[in-house]
ModelCIF file with pLDDT and N, C-alpha, C, O atoms, coordinates in Angstrom:
data_MODEL
#
_entry.id   MODEL 
#
_entity.id                         1 
_entity.type                       polymer 
_entity.pdbx_number_of_molecules   1 
#
_entity_poly.entity_id                      1 
_entity_poly.type                           'polypeptide(L)' 
_entity_poly.nstd_linkage                   no 
_entity_poly.nstd_monomer                   no 
_entity_poly.pdbx_seq_one_letter_code       GGSTNYADFVEGRFTISMDNAKNAVYLQMNSLK 
_entity_poly.pdbx_seq_one_letter_code_can   GGSTNYADFVEGRFTISMDNAKNAVYLQMNSLK 
_entity_poly.pdbx_strand_id                 A 
#
loop_
_entity_poly_seq.entity_id 
_entity_poly_seq.num 
_entity_poly_seq.mon_id 
_entity_poly_seq.hetero 
1 1  GLY n 
1 2  GLY n 
1 3  SER n 
1 4  THR n 
1 5  ASN n 
1 6  TYR n 
1 7  ALA n 
1 8  ASP n 
1 9  PHE n 
1 10 VAL n 
1 11 GLU n 
1 12 GLY n 
1 13 ARG n 
1 14 PHE n 
1 15 THR n 
1 16 ILE n 
1 17 SER n 
1 18 MET n 
1 19 ASP n 
1 20 ASN n 
1 21 ALA n 
1 22 LYS n 
1 23 ASN n 
1 24 ALA n 
1 25 VAL n 
1 26 TYR n 
1 27 LEU n 
1 28 GLN n 
1 29 MET n 
1 30 ASN n 
1 31 SER n 
1 32 LEU n 
1 33 LYS n 
#
_struct_asym.id          A 
_struct_asym.entity_id   1 
#
loop_
_ma_qa_metric.id 
_ma_qa_metric.mode 
_ma_qa_metric.name 
_ma_qa_metric.software_group_id 
_ma_qa_metric.type 
1 global pLDDT . pLDDT 
2 local  pLDDT . pLDDT 
#
_ma_qa_metric_global.metric_id      1 
_ma_qa_metric_global.metric_value   95.52 
_ma_qa_metric_global.model_id       1 
_ma_qa_metric_global.ordinal_id     1 
#
loop_
_ma_qa_metric_local.label_asym_id 
_ma_qa_metric_local.label_comp_id 
_ma_qa_metric_local.label_seq_id 
_ma_qa_metric_local.metric_id 
_ma_qa_metric_local.metric_value 
_ma_qa_metric_local.model_id 
_ma_qa_metric_local.ordinal_id 
A GLY 1  2 88.00 1 1  
A GLY 2  2 92.00 1 2  
A SER 3  2 96.00 1 3  
A THR 4  2 97.00 1 4  
A ASN 5  2 97.00 1 5  
A TYR 6  2 98.00 1 6  
A ALA 7  2 97.00 1 7  
A ASP 8  2 97.00 1 8  
A PHE 9  2 96.00 1 9  
A VAL 10 2 96.00 1 10 
A GLU 11 2 93.00 1 11 
A GLY 12 2 97.00 1 12 
A ARG 13 2 98.00 1 13 
A PHE 14 2 98.00 1 14 
A THR 15 2 98.00 1 15 
A ILE 16 2 98.00 1 16 
A SER 17 2 97.00 1 17 
A MET 18 2 94.00 1 18 
A ASP 19 2 93.00 1 19 
A ASN 20 2 87.00 1 20 
A ALA 21 2 89.00 1 21 
A LYS 22 2 91.00 1 22 
A ASN 23 2 92.00 1 23 
A ALA 24 2 95.00 1 24 
A VAL 25 2 96.00 1 25 
A TYR 26 2 97.00 1 26 
A LEU 27 2 98.00 1 27 
A GLN 28 2 98.00 1 28 
A MET 29 2 98.00 1 29 
A ASN 30 2 98.00 1 30 
A SER 31 2 98.00 1 31 
A LEU 32 2 98.00 1 32 
A LYS 33 2 97.00 1 33 
#
loop_
_atom_site.group_PDB 
_atom_site.id 
_atom_site.type_symbol 
_atom_site.label_atom_id 
_atom_site.label_alt_id 
_atom_site.label_comp_id 
_atom_site.label_asym_id 
_atom_site.label_entity_id 
_atom_site.label_seq_id 
_atom_site.pdbx_PDB_ins_code 
_atom_site.Cartn_x 
_atom_site.Cartn_y 
_atom_site.Cartn_z 
_atom_site.occupancy 
_atom_site.B_iso_or_equiv 
_atom_site.pdbx_formal_charge 
_atom_site.auth_seq_id 
_atom_site.auth_comp_id 
_atom_site.auth_asym_id 
_atom_site.auth_atom_id 
_atom_site.pdbx_PDB_model_num 
ATOM 1   N N  . GLY A 1 1  ? -100.001 -76.007 -17.054 1.00 88.00 ? 1  GLY A N  1 
ATOM 2   C CA . GLY A 1 1  ? -100.736 -77.254 -17.022 1.00 88.00 ? 1  GLY A CA 1 
ATOM 3   C C  . GLY A 1 1  ? -101.472 -77.504 -15.726 1.00 88.00 ? 1  GLY A C  1 
ATOM 4   O O  . GLY A 1 1  ? -102.228 -78.469 -15.616 1.00 88.00 ? 1  GLY A O  1 
ATOM 5   N N  . GLY A 1 2  ? -101.262 -76.650 -14.746 1.00 92.00 ? 2  GLY A N  1 
ATOM 6   C CA . GLY A 1 2  ? -101.949 -76.776 -13.476 1.00 92.00 ? 2  GLY A CA 1 
ATOM 7   C C  . GLY A 1 2  ? -101.121 -77.356 -12.354 1.00 92.00 ? 2  GLY A C  1 
ATOM 8   O O  . GLY A 1 2  ? -101.580 -77.397 -11.213 1.00 92.00 ? 2  GLY A O  1 
ATOM 9   N N  . SER A 1 3  ? -99.915  -77.806 -12.645 1.00 96.00 ? 3  SER A N  1 
ATOM 10  C CA . SER A 1 3  ? -99.050  -78.333 -11.597 1.00 96.00 ? 3  SER A CA 1 
ATOM 11  C C  . SER A 1 3  ? -98.643  -77.225 -10.640 1.00 96.00 ? 3  SER A C  1 
ATOM 12  O O  . SER A 1 3  ? -98.450  -76.080 -11.049 1.00 96.00 ? 3  SER A O  1 
ATOM 13  N N  . THR A 1 4  ? -98.513  -77.568 -9.377  1.00 97.00 ? 4  THR A N  1 
ATOM 14  C CA . THR A 1 4  ? -98.172  -76.580 -8.365  1.00 97.00 ? 4  THR A CA 1 
ATOM 15  C C  . THR A 1 4  ? -97.051  -77.066 -7.473  1.00 97.00 ? 4  THR A C  1 
ATOM 16  O O  . THR A 1 4  ? -96.837  -78.268 -7.316  1.00 97.00 ? 4  THR A O  1 
ATOM 17  N N  . ASN A 1 5  ? -96.342  -76.119 -6.894  1.00 97.00 ? 5  ASN A N  1 
ATOM 18  C CA . ASN A 1 5  ? -95.325  -76.400 -5.897  1.00 97.00 ? 5  ASN A CA 1 
ATOM 19  C C  . ASN A 1 5  ? -95.460  -75.379 -4.780  1.00 97.00 ? 5  ASN A C  1 
ATOM 20  O O  . ASN A 1 5  ? -95.753  -74.209 -5.026  1.00 97.00 ? 5  ASN A O  1 
ATOM 21  N N  . TYR A 1 6  ? -95.245  -75.830 -3.549  1.00 98.00 ? 6  TYR A N  1 
ATOM 22  C CA . TYR A 1 6  ? -95.363  -74.971 -2.390  1.00 98.00 ? 6  TYR A CA 1 
ATOM 23  C C  . TYR A 1 6  ? -94.124  -75.071 -1.515  1.00 98.00 ? 6  TYR A C  1 
ATOM 24  O O  . TYR A 1 6  ? -93.475  -76.115 -1.453  1.00 98.00 ? 6  TYR A O  1 
ATOM 25  N N  . ALA A 1 7  ? -93.810  -73.986 -0.849  1.00 97.00 ? 7  ALA A N  1 
ATOM 26  C CA . ALA A 1 7  ? -92.751  -74.010 0.137   1.00 97.00 ? 7  ALA A CA 1 
ATOM 27  C C  . ALA A 1 7  ? -93.186  -74.840 1.337   1.00 97.00 ? 7  ALA A C  1 
ATOM 28  O O  . ALA A 1 7  ? -94.379  -74.984 1.605   1.00 97.00 ? 7  ALA A O  1 
ATOM 29  N N  . ASP A 1 8  ? -92.211  -75.380 2.051   1.00 97.00 ? 8  ASP A N  1 
ATOM 30  C CA . ASP A 1 8  ? -92.532  -76.220 3.201   1.00 97.00 ? 8  ASP A CA 1 
ATOM 31  C C  . ASP A 1 8  ? -93.316  -75.467 4.272   1.00 97.00 ? 8  ASP A C  1 
ATOM 32  O O  . ASP A 1 8  ? -94.167  -76.052 4.942   1.00 97.00 ? 8  ASP A O  1 
ATOM 33  N N  . PHE A 1 9  ? -93.040  -74.192 4.434   1.00 96.00 ? 9  PHE A N  1 
ATOM 34  C CA . PHE A 1 9  ? -93.704  -73.450 5.494   1.00 96.00 ? 9  PHE A CA 1 
ATOM 35  C C  . PHE A 1 9  ? -95.192  -73.230 5.241   1.00 96.00 ? 9  PHE A C  1 
ATOM 36  O O  . PHE A 1 9  ? -95.924  -72.831 6.146   1.00 96.00 ? 9  PHE A O  1 
ATOM 37  N N  . VAL A 1 10 ? -95.641  -73.489 4.014   1.00 96.00 ? 10 VAL A N  1 
ATOM 38  C CA . VAL A 1 10 ? -97.067  -73.355 3.717   1.00 96.00 ? 10 VAL A CA 1 
ATOM 39  C C  . VAL A 1 10 ? -97.881  -74.353 4.537   1.00 96.00 ? 10 VAL A C  1 
ATOM 40  O O  . VAL A 1 10 ? -98.956  -74.022 5.039   1.00 96.00 ? 10 VAL A O  1 
ATOM 41  N N  . GLU A 1 11 ? -97.372  -75.557 4.670   1.00 93.00 ? 11 GLU A N  1 
ATOM 42  C CA . GLU A 1 11 ? -97.970  -76.586 5.517   1.00 93.00 ? 11 GLU A CA 1 
ATOM 43  C C  . GLU A 1 11 ? -99.448  -76.837 5.214   1.00 93.00 ? 11 GLU A C  1 
ATOM 44  O O  . GLU A 1 11 ? -100.244 -77.063 6.126   1.00 93.00 ? 11 GLU A O  1 
ATOM 45  N N  . GLY A 1 12 ? -99.808  -76.796 3.939   1.00 97.00 ? 12 GLY A N  1 
ATOM 46  C CA . GLY A 1 12 ? -101.169 -77.062 3.532   1.00 97.00 ? 12 GLY A CA 1 
ATOM 47  C C  . GLY A 1 12 ? -102.135 -75.926 3.723   1.00 97.00 ? 12 GLY A C  1 
ATOM 48  O O  . GLY A 1 12 ? -103.328 -76.087 3.466   1.00 97.00 ? 12 GLY A O  1 
ATOM 49  N N  . ARG A 1 13 ? -101.661 -74.780 4.164   1.00 98.00 ? 13 ARG A N  1 
ATOM 50  C CA . ARG A 1 13 ? -102.556 -73.664 4.473   1.00 98.00 ? 13 ARG A CA 1 
ATOM 51  C C  . ARG A 1 13 ? -102.908 -72.798 3.279   1.00 98.00 ? 13 ARG A C  1 
ATOM 52  O O  . ARG A 1 13 ? -103.936 -72.122 3.285   1.00 98.00 ? 13 ARG A O  1 
ATOM 53  N N  . PHE A 1 14 ? -102.068 -72.811 2.257   1.00 98.00 ? 14 PHE A N  1 
ATOM 54  C CA . PHE A 1 14 ? -102.252 -71.924 1.107   1.00 98.00 ? 14 PHE A CA 1 
ATOM 55  C C  . PHE A 1 14 ? -102.607 -72.726 -0.138  1.00 98.00 ? 14 PHE A C  1 
ATOM 56  O O  . PHE A 1 14 ? -102.239 -73.893 -0.273  1.00 98.00 ? 14 PHE A O  1 
ATOM 57  N N  . THR A 1 15 ? -103.329 -72.076 -1.044  1.00 98.00 ? 15 THR A N  1 
ATOM 58  C CA . THR A 1 15 ? -103.657 -72.676 -2.322  1.00 98.00 ? 15 THR A CA 1 
ATOM 59  C C  . THR A 1 15 ? -103.424 -71.663 -3.432  1.00 98.00 ? 15 THR A C  1 
ATOM 60  O O  . THR A 1 15 ? -103.961 -70.556 -3.389  1.00 98.00 ? 15 THR A O  1 
ATOM 61  N N  . ILE A 1 16 ? -102.628 -72.038 -4.424  1.00 98.00 ? 16 ILE A N  1 
ATOM 62  C CA . ILE A 1 16 ? -102.392 -71.174 -5.561  1.00 98.00 ? 16 ILE A CA 1 
ATOM 63  C C  . ILE A 1 16 ? -103.249 -71.653 -6.724  1.00 98.00 ? 16 ILE A C  1 
ATOM 64  O O  . ILE A 1 16 ? -103.423 -72.856 -6.918  1.00 98.00 ? 16 ILE A O  1 
ATOM 65  N N  . SER A 1 17 ? -103.779 -70.723 -7.487  1.00 97.00 ? 17 SER A N  1 
ATOM 66  C CA . SER A 1 17 ? -104.599 -71.063 -8.639  1.00 97.00 ? 17 SER A CA 1 
ATOM 67  C C  . SER A 1 17 ? -104.380 -70.041 -9.737  1.00 97.00 ? 17 SER A C  1 
ATOM 68  O O  . SER A 1 17 ? -103.882 -68.944 -9.487  1.00 97.00 ? 17 SER A O  1 
ATOM 69  N N  . MET A 1 18 ? -104.753 -70.403 -10.949 1.00 94.00 ? 18 MET A N  1 
ATOM 70  C CA . MET A 1 18 ? -104.559 -69.534 -12.107 1.00 94.00 ? 18 MET A CA 1 
ATOM 71  C C  . MET A 1 18 ? -105.813 -69.497 -12.948 1.00 94.00 ? 18 MET A C  1 
ATOM 72  O O  . MET A 1 18 ? -106.492 -70.509 -13.123 1.00 94.00 ? 18 MET A O  1 
ATOM 73  N N  . ASP A 1 19 ? -106.113 -68.326 -13.464 1.00 93.00 ? 19 ASP A N  1 
ATOM 74  C CA . ASP A 1 19 ? -107.192 -68.134 -14.413 1.00 93.00 ? 19 ASP A CA 1 
ATOM 75  C C  . ASP A 1 19 ? -106.533 -67.744 -15.730 1.00 93.00 ? 19 ASP A C  1 
ATOM 76  O O  . ASP A 1 19 ? -106.140 -66.592 -15.913 1.00 93.00 ? 19 ASP A O  1 
ATOM 77  N N  . ASN A 1 20 ? -106.414 -68.690 -16.639 1.00 87.00 ? 20 ASN A N  1 
ATOM 78  C CA . ASN A 1 20 ? -105.714 -68.445 -17.891 1.00 87.00 ? 20 ASN A CA 1 
ATOM 79  C C  . ASN A 1 20 ? -106.401 -67.389 -18.759 1.00 87.00 ? 20 ASN A C  1 
ATOM 80  O O  . ASN A 1 20 ? -105.736 -66.609 -19.440 1.00 87.00 ? 20 ASN A O  1 
ATOM 81  N N  . ALA A 1 21 ? -107.722 -67.370 -18.729 1.00 89.00 ? 21 ALA A N  1 
ATOM 82  C CA . ALA A 1 21 ? -108.464 -66.404 -19.536 1.00 89.00 ? 21 ALA A CA 1 
ATOM 83  C C  . ALA A 1 21 ? -108.191 -64.973 -19.092 1.00 89.00 ? 21 ALA A C  1 
ATOM 84  O O  . ALA A 1 21 ? -108.184 -64.053 -19.910 1.00 89.00 ? 21 ALA A O  1 
ATOM 85  N N  . LYS A 1 22 ? -107.970 -64.792 -17.809 1.00 91.00 ? 22 LYS A N  1 
ATOM 86  C CA . LYS A 1 22 ? -107.725 -63.463 -17.262 1.00 91.00 ? 22 LYS A CA 1 
ATOM 87  C C  . LYS A 1 22 ? -106.244 -63.167 -17.053 1.00 91.00 ? 22 LYS A C  1 
ATOM 88  O O  . LYS A 1 22 ? -105.880 -62.061 -16.653 1.00 91.00 ? 22 LYS A O  1 
ATOM 89  N N  . ASN A 1 23 ? -105.394 -64.146 -17.321 1.00 92.00 ? 23 ASN A N  1 
ATOM 90  C CA . ASN A 1 23 ? -103.961 -64.005 -17.045 1.00 92.00 ? 23 ASN A CA 1 
ATOM 91  C C  . ASN A 1 23 ? -103.734 -63.574 -15.604 1.00 92.00 ? 23 ASN A C  1 
ATOM 92  O O  . ASN A 1 23 ? -102.977 -62.646 -15.319 1.00 92.00 ? 23 ASN A O  1 
ATOM 93  N N  . ALA A 1 24 ? -104.404 -64.268 -14.717 1.00 95.00 ? 24 ALA A N  1 
ATOM 94  C CA . ALA A 1 24 ? -104.351 -63.915 -13.306 1.00 95.00 ? 24 ALA A CA 1 
ATOM 95  C C  . ALA A 1 24 ? -103.947 -65.123 -12.467 1.00 95.00 ? 24 ALA A C  1 
ATOM 96  O O  . ALA A 1 24 ? -104.182 -66.271 -12.845 1.00 95.00 ? 24 ALA A O  1 
ATOM 97  N N  . VAL A 1 25 ? -103.345 -64.843 -11.342 1.00 96.00 ? 25 VAL A N  1 
ATOM 98  C CA . VAL A 1 25 ? -102.979 -65.871 -10.382 1.00 96.00 ? 25 VAL A CA 1 
ATOM 99  C C  . VAL A 1 25 ? -103.458 -65.428 -9.010  1.00 96.00 ? 25 VAL A C  1 
ATOM 100 O O  . VAL A 1 25 ? -103.478 -64.238 -8.696  1.00 96.00 ? 25 VAL A O  1 
ATOM 101 N N  . TYR A 1 26 ? -103.842 -66.405 -8.200  1.00 97.00 ? 26 TYR A N  1 
ATOM 102 C CA . TYR A 1 26 ? -104.388 -66.118 -6.883  1.00 97.00 ? 26 TYR A CA 1 
ATOM 103 C C  . TYR A 1 26 ? -103.678 -66.953 -5.832  1.00 97.00 ? 26 TYR A C  1 
ATOM 104 O O  . TYR A 1 26 ? -103.177 -68.041 -6.114  1.00 97.00 ? 26 TYR A O  1 
ATOM 105 N N  . LEU A 1 27 ? -103.643 -66.438 -4.642  1.00 98.00 ? 27 LEU A N  1 
ATOM 106 C CA . LEU A 1 27 ? -103.097 -67.175 -3.513  1.00 98.00 ? 27 LEU A CA 1 
ATOM 107 C C  . LEU A 1 27 ? -104.076 -67.064 -2.359  1.00 98.00 ? 27 LEU A C  1 
ATOM 108 O O  . LEU A 1 27 ? -104.188 -66.016 -1.722  1.00 98.00 ? 27 LEU A O  1 
ATOM 109 N N  . GLN A 1 28 ? -104.780 -68.147 -2.098  1.00 98.00 ? 28 GLN A N  1 
ATOM 110 C CA . GLN A 1 28 ? -105.678 -68.213 -0.958  1.00 98.00 ? 28 GLN A CA 1 
ATOM 111 C C  . GLN A 1 28 ? -104.875 -68.628 0.257   1.00 98.00 ? 28 GLN A C  1 
ATOM 112 O O  . GLN A 1 28 ? -104.300 -69.716 0.286   1.00 98.00 ? 28 GLN A O  1 
ATOM 113 N N  . MET A 1 29 ? -104.832 -67.775 1.251   1.00 98.00 ? 29 MET A N  1 
ATOM 114 C CA . MET A 1 29 ? -104.043 -68.022 2.446   1.00 98.00 ? 29 MET A CA 1 
ATOM 115 C C  . MET A 1 29 ? -104.972 -68.165 3.642   1.00 98.00 ? 29 MET A C  1 
ATOM 116 O O  . MET A 1 29 ? -105.659 -67.218 4.025   1.00 98.00 ? 29 MET A O  1 
ATOM 117 N N  . ASN A 1 30 ? -104.986 -69.344 4.221   1.00 98.00 ? 30 ASN A N  1 
ATOM 118 C CA . ASN A 1 30 ? -105.793 -69.627 5.395   1.00 98.00 ? 30 ASN A CA 1 
ATOM 119 C C  . ASN A 1 30 ? -104.890 -69.874 6.597   1.00 98.00 ? 30 ASN A C  1 
ATOM 120 O O  . ASN A 1 30 ? -103.690 -70.111 6.452   1.00 98.00 ? 30 ASN A O  1 
ATOM 121 N N  . SER A 1 31 ? -105.476 -69.817 7.766   1.00 98.00 ? 31 SER A N  1 
ATOM 122 C CA . SER A 1 31 ? -104.744 -70.087 9.009   1.00 98.00 ? 31 SER A CA 1 
ATOM 123 C C  . SER A 1 31 ? -103.445 -69.299 9.079   1.00 98.00 ? 31 SER A C  1 
ATOM 124 O O  . SER A 1 31 ? -102.389 -69.850 9.388   1.00 98.00 ? 31 SER A O  1 
ATOM 125 N N  . LEU A 1 32 ? -103.530 -68.031 8.797   1.00 98.00 ? 32 LEU A N  1 
ATOM 126 C CA . LEU A 1 32 ? -102.346 -67.192 8.762   1.00 98.00 ? 32 LEU A CA 1 
ATOM 127 C C  . LEU A 1 32 ? -101.686 -67.087 10.133  1.00 98.00 ? 32 LEU A C  1 
ATOM 128 O O  . LEU A 1 32 ? -102.351 -67.080 11.169  1.00 98.00 ? 32 LEU A O  1 
ATOM 129 N N  . LYS A 1 33 ? -100.372 -67.006 10.105  1.00 97.00 ? 33 LYS A N  1 
ATOM 130 C CA . LYS A 1 33 ? -99.565  -66.894 11.303  1.00 97.00 ? 33 LYS A CA 1 
ATOM 131 C C  . LYS A 1 33 ? -98.798  -65.576 11.289  1.00 97.00 ? 33 LYS A C  1 
ATOM 132 O O  . LYS A 1 33 ? -98.050  -65.287 12.223  1.00 97.00 ? 33 LYS A O  1 
#
């Protein structure tokens, strides 16, 4: 349904998304440490 949950250490830096048509999931990771 599009709901997401993140670990605390993500701290707003990462974004998870899904493409249902492709059965794919992505993780955009910014400000990597």
